Amino acid sequence: MKDIIGVSACLLGINCKYNGSHNLNQEVIDYIRGKEVVLICPEVFGGLETPRIPCEIQNDGSIINKNGLVVTDNFEKGKEITLELLKLNGCKKVILKDGSPSCGYLTIYDGTFSNKRIKGLGVTAKCLIKNNIDIIDLKT
């Protein structure tokens, strides 16, 4: 059985980042060369627009955008769709964009919109770990 890897779409140049851009990463491209991949973007899967207002996880676990709108439900929906897609494709490993409120696997922003990162997991990363999907750390 071939290894199929889930990859944050922004890391492969898809313009799905909050600001309408991407996080193209050559190390990720080199790593997945010759492998089957499933592109994921939990925030888009959850119904958020691109571009969108930046969002951060709050101390109580809710997620708000910079304008104060609660978008937790979008992030919850996005993580469920991501998990279902990865399971349907037999993905046991993912490469995620660190720092994101969805995909952060080492750090997330601190919830104050001051560009400060703290140790923590995004909602999708936490869900994937709980469901035995390994995160490949390429320092994204």
N, C-alpha and C. Protein backbone atom coordinates (compact mmCIF):
# COMPACT_ATOMS: atom_id res chain seq x y z
N MET A 1 0.85 -1.19 0.00
CA MET A 1 0.00 0.00 0.00
C MET A 1 0.89 1.24 0.00
N LYS A 2 0.57 2.15 -0.88
CA LYS A 2 1.36 3.36 -1.03
C LYS A 2 1.05 4.37 0.07
N ASP A 3 2.10 5.05 0.56
CA ASP A 3 1.90 6.12 1.53
C ASP A 3 1.24 7.31 0.85
N ILE A 4 0.14 7.76 1.41
CA ILE A 4 -0.54 8.96 0.92
C ILE A 4 -0.43 9.99 2.04
N ILE A 5 0.02 11.18 1.68
CA ILE A 5 0.29 12.22 2.68
C ILE A 5 -0.66 13.39 2.47
N GLY A 6 -1.28 13.83 3.56
CA GLY A 6 -2.08 15.05 3.51
C GLY A 6 -1.15 16.25 3.65
N VAL A 7 -1.40 17.29 2.88
CA VAL A 7 -0.52 18.47 2.90
C VAL A 7 -1.37 19.74 2.91
N SER A 8 -1.02 20.66 3.82
CA SER A 8 -1.65 21.98 3.81
C SER A 8 -1.46 22.58 2.43
N ALA A 9 -2.57 22.89 1.77
CA ALA A 9 -2.54 23.36 0.38
C ALA A 9 -1.68 24.60 0.20
N CYS A 10 -1.65 25.48 1.21
CA CYS A 10 -0.87 26.71 1.09
C CYS A 10 0.62 26.42 0.92
N LEU A 11 1.08 25.28 1.46
CA LEU A 11 2.50 24.93 1.37
C LEU A 11 2.90 24.51 -0.05
N LEU A 12 1.89 24.22 -0.87
CA LEU A 12 2.16 23.83 -2.25
C LEU A 12 1.78 24.93 -3.23
N GLY A 13 1.62 26.14 -2.71
CA GLY A 13 1.40 27.30 -3.58
C GLY A 13 -0.04 27.63 -3.87
N ILE A 14 -0.98 26.96 -3.22
CA ILE A 14 -2.40 27.28 -3.42
C ILE A 14 -2.73 28.54 -2.60
N ASN A 15 -3.35 29.50 -3.24
CA ASN A 15 -3.67 30.77 -2.58
C ASN A 15 -4.90 30.64 -1.68
N CYS A 16 -4.71 29.97 -0.54
CA CYS A 16 -5.82 29.78 0.40
C CYS A 16 -5.50 30.35 1.78
N LYS A 17 -4.37 31.02 1.91
CA LYS A 17 -3.96 31.64 3.16
C LYS A 17 -4.91 32.80 3.49
N TYR A 18 -4.99 33.16 4.75
CA TYR A 18 -5.93 34.21 5.18
C TYR A 18 -5.81 35.49 4.36
N ASN A 19 -4.61 35.83 3.91
CA ASN A 19 -4.42 37.08 3.16
C ASN A 19 -4.53 36.89 1.65
N GLY A 20 -4.97 35.71 1.23
CA GLY A 20 -5.15 35.44 -0.19
C GLY A 20 -3.90 34.94 -0.88
N SER A 21 -2.83 34.77 -0.14
CA SER A 21 -1.56 34.31 -0.69
C SER A 21 -1.34 32.84 -0.34
N HIS A 22 -0.08 32.44 -0.30
CA HIS A 22 0.29 31.05 -0.02
C HIS A 22 1.59 31.03 0.77
N ASN A 23 2.02 29.84 1.16
CA ASN A 23 3.28 29.64 1.89
C ASN A 23 4.13 28.61 1.16
N LEU A 24 4.29 28.77 -0.15
CA LEU A 24 5.03 27.79 -0.95
C LEU A 24 6.34 27.42 -0.27
N ASN A 25 6.57 26.12 -0.11
CA ASN A 25 7.71 25.64 0.65
C ASN A 25 8.45 24.59 -0.17
N GLN A 26 9.65 24.91 -0.61
CA GLN A 26 10.42 24.01 -1.47
C GLN A 26 10.77 22.71 -0.75
N GLU A 27 11.02 22.78 0.55
CA GLU A 27 11.35 21.56 1.30
C GLU A 27 10.17 20.58 1.28
N VAL A 28 8.96 21.10 1.37
CA VAL A 28 7.77 20.25 1.30
C VAL A 28 7.65 19.65 -0.10
N ILE A 29 7.85 20.47 -1.11
CA ILE A 29 7.78 19.98 -2.49
C ILE A 29 8.79 18.86 -2.71
N ASP A 30 10.01 19.05 -2.23
CA ASP A 30 11.04 18.02 -2.37
C ASP A 30 10.65 16.75 -1.63
N TYR A 31 10.10 16.89 -0.43
CA TYR A 31 9.74 15.75 0.40
C TYR A 31 8.64 14.90 -0.24
N ILE A 32 7.66 15.54 -0.86
CA ILE A 32 6.52 14.79 -1.41
C ILE A 32 6.74 14.31 -2.84
N ARG A 33 7.84 14.69 -3.45
CA ARG A 33 8.10 14.28 -4.83
C ARG A 33 7.95 12.77 -4.97
N GLY A 34 7.12 12.34 -5.91
CA GLY A 34 6.90 10.92 -6.16
C GLY A 34 5.89 10.27 -5.24
N LYS A 35 5.35 11.02 -4.29
CA LYS A 35 4.36 10.48 -3.36
C LYS A 35 2.96 10.97 -3.75
N GLU A 36 1.96 10.24 -3.32
CA GLU A 36 0.58 10.69 -3.52
C GLU A 36 0.22 11.64 -2.39
N VAL A 37 -0.46 12.72 -2.73
CA VAL A 37 -0.84 13.71 -1.71
C VAL A 37 -2.32 14.05 -1.81
N VAL A 38 -2.86 14.45 -0.67
CA VAL A 38 -4.21 14.98 -0.59
C VAL A 38 -4.06 16.40 -0.04
N LEU A 39 -4.53 17.39 -0.81
CA LEU A 39 -4.43 18.78 -0.36
C LEU A 39 -5.56 19.10 0.61
N ILE A 40 -5.20 19.78 1.68
CA ILE A 40 -6.19 20.16 2.69
C ILE A 40 -6.06 21.64 3.03
N CYS A 41 -7.18 22.25 3.34
CA CYS A 41 -7.21 23.57 3.95
C CYS A 41 -8.46 23.61 4.82
N PRO A 42 -8.31 23.26 6.10
CA PRO A 42 -9.47 23.20 6.98
C PRO A 42 -10.28 24.48 7.05
N GLU A 43 -9.63 25.62 6.93
CA GLU A 43 -10.35 26.89 7.03
C GLU A 43 -11.26 27.10 5.83
N VAL A 44 -10.78 26.76 4.65
CA VAL A 44 -11.62 26.82 3.45
C VAL A 44 -12.70 25.75 3.53
N PHE A 45 -12.33 24.52 3.94
CA PHE A 45 -13.32 23.45 4.09
C PHE A 45 -14.43 23.86 5.05
N GLY A 46 -14.09 24.68 6.04
CA GLY A 46 -15.06 25.12 7.03
C GLY A 46 -15.93 26.29 6.56
N GLY A 47 -15.71 26.76 5.35
CA GLY A 47 -16.57 27.80 4.78
C GLY A 47 -16.04 29.21 4.89
N LEU A 48 -14.79 29.37 5.33
CA LEU A 48 -14.22 30.72 5.42
C LEU A 48 -13.71 31.15 4.04
N GLU A 49 -13.84 32.42 3.75
CA GLU A 49 -13.42 32.97 2.45
C GLU A 49 -11.92 33.15 2.39
N THR A 50 -11.43 33.27 1.16
CA THR A 50 -10.04 33.65 0.92
C THR A 50 -10.07 34.86 0.00
N PRO A 51 -9.47 35.98 0.40
CA PRO A 51 -8.86 36.23 1.70
C PRO A 51 -9.93 36.34 2.79
N ARG A 52 -9.45 36.27 4.04
CA ARG A 52 -10.34 36.36 5.20
C ARG A 52 -9.65 37.15 6.30
N ILE A 53 -10.44 37.61 7.23
CA ILE A 53 -9.91 38.36 8.38
C ILE A 53 -9.12 37.37 9.25
N PRO A 54 -7.92 37.72 9.69
CA PRO A 54 -7.12 36.81 10.52
C PRO A 54 -7.90 36.33 11.75
N CYS A 55 -7.68 35.07 12.10
CA CYS A 55 -8.37 34.45 13.23
C CYS A 55 -7.34 33.90 14.22
N GLU A 56 -7.70 33.89 15.49
CA GLU A 56 -6.82 33.33 16.52
C GLU A 56 -7.66 32.63 17.58
N ILE A 57 -7.05 31.60 18.18
CA ILE A 57 -7.68 30.85 19.26
C ILE A 57 -7.56 31.66 20.55
N GLN A 58 -8.68 31.74 21.27
CA GLN A 58 -8.71 32.47 22.54
C GLN A 58 -8.44 31.53 23.72
N ASN A 59 -8.21 32.09 24.89
CA ASN A 59 -7.92 31.29 26.08
C ASN A 59 -9.02 30.29 26.41
N ASP A 60 -10.26 30.61 26.07
CA ASP A 60 -11.37 29.71 26.38
C ASP A 60 -11.59 28.65 25.30
N GLY A 61 -10.72 28.65 24.26
CA GLY A 61 -10.82 27.67 23.19
C GLY A 61 -11.65 28.12 22.01
N SER A 62 -12.37 29.23 22.16
CA SER A 62 -13.13 29.75 21.02
C SER A 62 -12.15 30.38 20.03
N ILE A 63 -12.64 30.58 18.81
CA ILE A 63 -11.81 31.20 17.78
C ILE A 63 -12.56 32.42 17.27
N ILE A 64 -11.86 33.54 17.28
CA ILE A 64 -12.48 34.78 16.78
C ILE A 64 -11.59 35.37 15.69
N ASN A 65 -12.23 36.18 14.84
CA ASN A 65 -11.41 36.92 13.88
C ASN A 65 -11.05 38.27 14.49
N LYS A 66 -10.18 38.97 13.81
CA LYS A 66 -9.65 40.23 14.34
C LYS A 66 -10.74 41.28 14.59
N ASN A 67 -11.90 41.12 13.94
CA ASN A 67 -13.02 42.05 14.14
C ASN A 67 -13.92 41.61 15.30
N GLY A 68 -13.58 40.50 15.96
CA GLY A 68 -14.35 40.03 17.10
C GLY A 68 -15.45 39.03 16.80
N LEU A 69 -15.61 38.65 15.53
CA LEU A 69 -16.63 37.67 15.16
C LEU A 69 -16.18 36.27 15.54
N VAL A 70 -17.04 35.52 16.24
CA VAL A 70 -16.73 34.14 16.62
C VAL A 70 -16.88 33.24 15.39
N VAL A 71 -15.81 32.52 15.07
CA VAL A 71 -15.79 31.64 13.89
C VAL A 71 -15.46 30.19 14.28
N THR A 72 -15.65 29.87 15.54
CA THR A 72 -15.34 28.53 16.04
C THR A 72 -16.01 27.45 15.21
N ASP A 73 -17.29 27.63 14.87
CA ASP A 73 -18.03 26.61 14.12
C ASP A 73 -17.37 26.32 12.77
N ASN A 74 -16.85 27.35 12.11
CA ASN A 74 -16.16 27.14 10.83
C ASN A 74 -14.93 26.25 11.02
N PHE A 75 -14.19 26.49 12.08
CA PHE A 75 -12.98 25.71 12.34
C PHE A 75 -13.33 24.28 12.73
N GLU A 76 -14.41 24.11 13.48
CA GLU A 76 -14.86 22.75 13.86
C GLU A 76 -15.30 21.98 12.62
N LYS A 77 -16.06 22.61 11.75
CA LYS A 77 -16.51 21.97 10.51
C LYS A 77 -15.30 21.62 9.64
N GLY A 78 -14.36 22.54 9.53
CA GLY A 78 -13.17 22.31 8.71
C GLY A 78 -12.33 21.14 9.20
N LYS A 79 -12.20 21.00 10.52
CA LYS A 79 -11.40 19.88 11.05
C LYS A 79 -12.09 18.55 10.77
N GLU A 80 -13.43 18.52 10.88
CA GLU A 80 -14.17 17.28 10.63
C GLU A 80 -14.08 16.87 9.16
N ILE A 81 -14.21 17.83 8.25
CA ILE A 81 -14.11 17.53 6.82
C ILE A 81 -12.69 17.06 6.50
N THR A 82 -11.70 17.72 7.08
CA THR A 82 -10.30 17.33 6.85
C THR A 82 -10.06 15.90 7.32
N LEU A 83 -10.51 15.57 8.53
CA LEU A 83 -10.32 14.23 9.06
C LEU A 83 -11.01 13.20 8.17
N GLU A 84 -12.23 13.47 7.75
CA GLU A 84 -12.97 12.55 6.89
C GLU A 84 -12.24 12.33 5.56
N LEU A 85 -11.76 13.41 4.95
CA LEU A 85 -11.05 13.32 3.68
C LEU A 85 -9.76 12.49 3.82
N LEU A 86 -9.02 12.74 4.90
CA LEU A 86 -7.78 11.99 5.11
C LEU A 86 -8.06 10.51 5.34
N LYS A 87 -9.08 10.21 6.12
CA LYS A 87 -9.44 8.81 6.37
C LYS A 87 -9.89 8.13 5.08
N LEU A 88 -10.72 8.80 4.29
CA LEU A 88 -11.20 8.23 3.03
C LEU A 88 -10.05 7.88 2.09
N ASN A 89 -8.97 8.65 2.17
CA ASN A 89 -7.82 8.44 1.30
C ASN A 89 -6.72 7.58 1.94
N GLY A 90 -6.96 7.12 3.15
CA GLY A 90 -5.98 6.27 3.82
C GLY A 90 -4.73 7.00 4.27
N CYS A 91 -4.82 8.30 4.49
CA CYS A 91 -3.66 9.10 4.92
C CYS A 91 -3.36 8.83 6.39
N LYS A 92 -2.13 8.48 6.67
CA LYS A 92 -1.68 8.27 8.05
C LYS A 92 -0.71 9.36 8.50
N LYS A 93 -0.33 10.24 7.55
CA LYS A 93 0.63 11.30 7.83
C LYS A 93 0.19 12.59 7.15
N VAL A 94 0.55 13.72 7.78
CA VAL A 94 0.25 15.03 7.20
C VAL A 94 1.43 15.97 7.38
N ILE A 95 1.50 16.93 6.49
CA ILE A 95 2.42 18.05 6.62
C ILE A 95 1.54 19.29 6.75
N LEU A 96 1.67 19.99 7.87
CA LEU A 96 0.81 21.12 8.17
C LEU A 96 1.60 22.42 8.26
N LYS A 97 0.90 23.54 8.07
CA LYS A 97 1.50 24.86 8.21
C LYS A 97 1.44 25.28 9.66
N ASP A 98 2.58 25.32 10.31
CA ASP A 98 2.62 25.68 11.72
C ASP A 98 2.19 27.13 11.92
N GLY A 99 1.62 27.40 13.09
CA GLY A 99 1.20 28.75 13.46
C GLY A 99 -0.27 29.01 13.22
N SER A 100 -0.86 28.28 12.31
CA SER A 100 -2.26 28.48 11.96
C SER A 100 -3.19 28.03 13.09
N PRO A 101 -4.34 28.71 13.25
CA PRO A 101 -5.29 28.26 14.27
C PRO A 101 -5.91 26.90 13.93
N SER A 102 -5.78 26.47 12.69
CA SER A 102 -6.21 25.13 12.30
C SER A 102 -5.04 24.16 12.35
N CYS A 103 -3.97 24.49 11.65
CA CYS A 103 -2.89 23.54 11.38
C CYS A 103 -1.66 23.68 12.27
N GLY A 104 -1.61 24.67 13.15
CA GLY A 104 -0.45 24.83 14.02
C GLY A 104 -0.19 23.55 14.79
N TYR A 105 1.03 23.03 14.71
CA TYR A 105 1.34 21.77 15.39
C TYR A 105 2.45 21.93 16.43
N LEU A 106 3.12 23.05 16.42
CA LEU A 106 4.10 23.39 17.46
C LEU A 106 3.70 24.68 18.15
N THR A 107 3.25 25.64 17.32
CA THR A 107 2.88 26.95 17.85
C THR A 107 1.57 27.44 17.22
N ILE A 108 0.92 28.33 17.94
CA ILE A 108 -0.24 29.07 17.44
C ILE A 108 -0.05 30.51 17.90
N TYR A 109 -0.81 31.42 17.33
CA TYR A 109 -0.76 32.80 17.81
C TYR A 109 -1.52 32.89 19.13
N ASP A 110 -1.14 33.82 19.99
CA ASP A 110 -1.59 33.84 21.38
C ASP A 110 -3.01 34.36 21.62
N GLY A 111 -3.72 34.74 20.57
CA GLY A 111 -5.11 35.17 20.73
C GLY A 111 -5.28 36.67 20.90
N THR A 112 -4.17 37.42 20.90
CA THR A 112 -4.25 38.87 21.10
C THR A 112 -4.06 39.66 19.81
N PHE A 113 -3.83 38.98 18.70
CA PHE A 113 -3.58 39.61 17.41
C PHE A 113 -2.38 40.56 17.47
N SER A 114 -1.39 40.19 18.27
CA SER A 114 -0.17 40.99 18.41
C SER A 114 1.03 40.33 17.74
N ASN A 115 0.78 39.31 16.91
CA ASN A 115 1.82 38.59 16.17
C ASN A 115 2.75 37.79 17.09
N LYS A 116 2.28 37.45 18.29
CA LYS A 116 3.08 36.67 19.24
C LYS A 116 2.64 35.22 19.22
N ARG A 117 3.63 34.33 19.03
CA ARG A 117 3.34 32.90 19.01
C ARG A 117 3.61 32.28 20.37
N ILE A 118 2.81 31.25 20.67
CA ILE A 118 2.97 30.48 21.89
C ILE A 118 2.93 28.99 21.52
N LYS A 119 3.42 28.15 22.42
CA LYS A 119 3.29 26.71 22.20
C LYS A 119 1.82 26.36 22.19
N GLY A 120 1.42 25.52 21.25
CA GLY A 120 0.02 25.11 21.21
C GLY A 120 -0.31 24.40 19.92
N LEU A 121 -1.51 23.85 19.89
CA LEU A 121 -2.00 23.11 18.73
C LEU A 121 -3.22 23.80 18.14
N GLY A 122 -3.27 23.86 16.82
CA GLY A 122 -4.47 24.30 16.14
C GLY A 122 -5.54 23.23 16.27
N VAL A 123 -6.79 23.59 15.99
CA VAL A 123 -7.90 22.66 16.21
C VAL A 123 -7.82 21.43 15.31
N THR A 124 -7.40 21.59 14.07
CA THR A 124 -7.28 20.44 13.18
C THR A 124 -6.09 19.58 13.58
N ALA A 125 -4.96 20.19 13.89
CA ALA A 125 -3.78 19.42 14.32
C ALA A 125 -4.12 18.57 15.54
N LYS A 126 -4.81 19.15 16.50
CA LYS A 126 -5.19 18.42 17.72
C LYS A 126 -6.09 17.23 17.37
N CYS A 127 -7.04 17.44 16.48
CA CYS A 127 -7.96 16.39 16.05
C CYS A 127 -7.22 15.26 15.33
N LEU A 128 -6.28 15.62 14.46
CA LEU A 128 -5.55 14.60 13.70
C LEU A 128 -4.67 13.76 14.61
N ILE A 129 -4.01 14.40 15.56
CA ILE A 129 -3.19 13.67 16.53
C ILE A 129 -4.06 12.70 17.31
N LYS A 130 -5.21 13.16 17.76
CA LYS A 130 -6.15 12.33 18.53
C LYS A 130 -6.61 11.12 17.72
N ASN A 131 -6.62 11.26 16.40
CA ASN A 131 -7.06 10.20 15.51
C ASN A 131 -5.89 9.44 14.87
N ASN A 132 -4.74 9.51 15.52
CA ASN A 132 -3.56 8.72 15.13
C ASN A 132 -3.04 9.02 13.73
N ILE A 133 -3.13 10.28 13.32
CA ILE A 133 -2.52 10.72 12.07
C ILE A 133 -1.27 11.52 12.47
N ASP A 134 -0.13 11.06 12.00
CA ASP A 134 1.15 11.65 12.39
C ASP A 134 1.43 12.93 11.62
N ILE A 135 1.98 13.90 12.33
CA ILE A 135 2.39 15.16 11.71
C ILE A 135 3.89 15.10 11.42
N ILE A 136 4.23 15.29 10.17
CA ILE A 136 5.63 15.32 9.74
C ILE A 136 6.13 16.74 9.95
N ASP A 137 7.18 16.86 10.75
CA ASP A 137 7.70 18.20 11.08
C ASP A 137 8.79 18.60 10.09
N LEU A 138 8.44 19.47 9.16
CA LEU A 138 9.40 20.03 8.22
C LEU A 138 9.68 21.49 8.53
N LYS A 139 9.35 21.92 9.75
CA LYS A 139 9.57 23.32 10.18
C LYS A 139 8.90 24.28 9.23
N THR A 140 7.60 24.05 8.99
CA THR A 140 6.87 24.91 8.08
C THR A 140 6.37 26.13 8.80
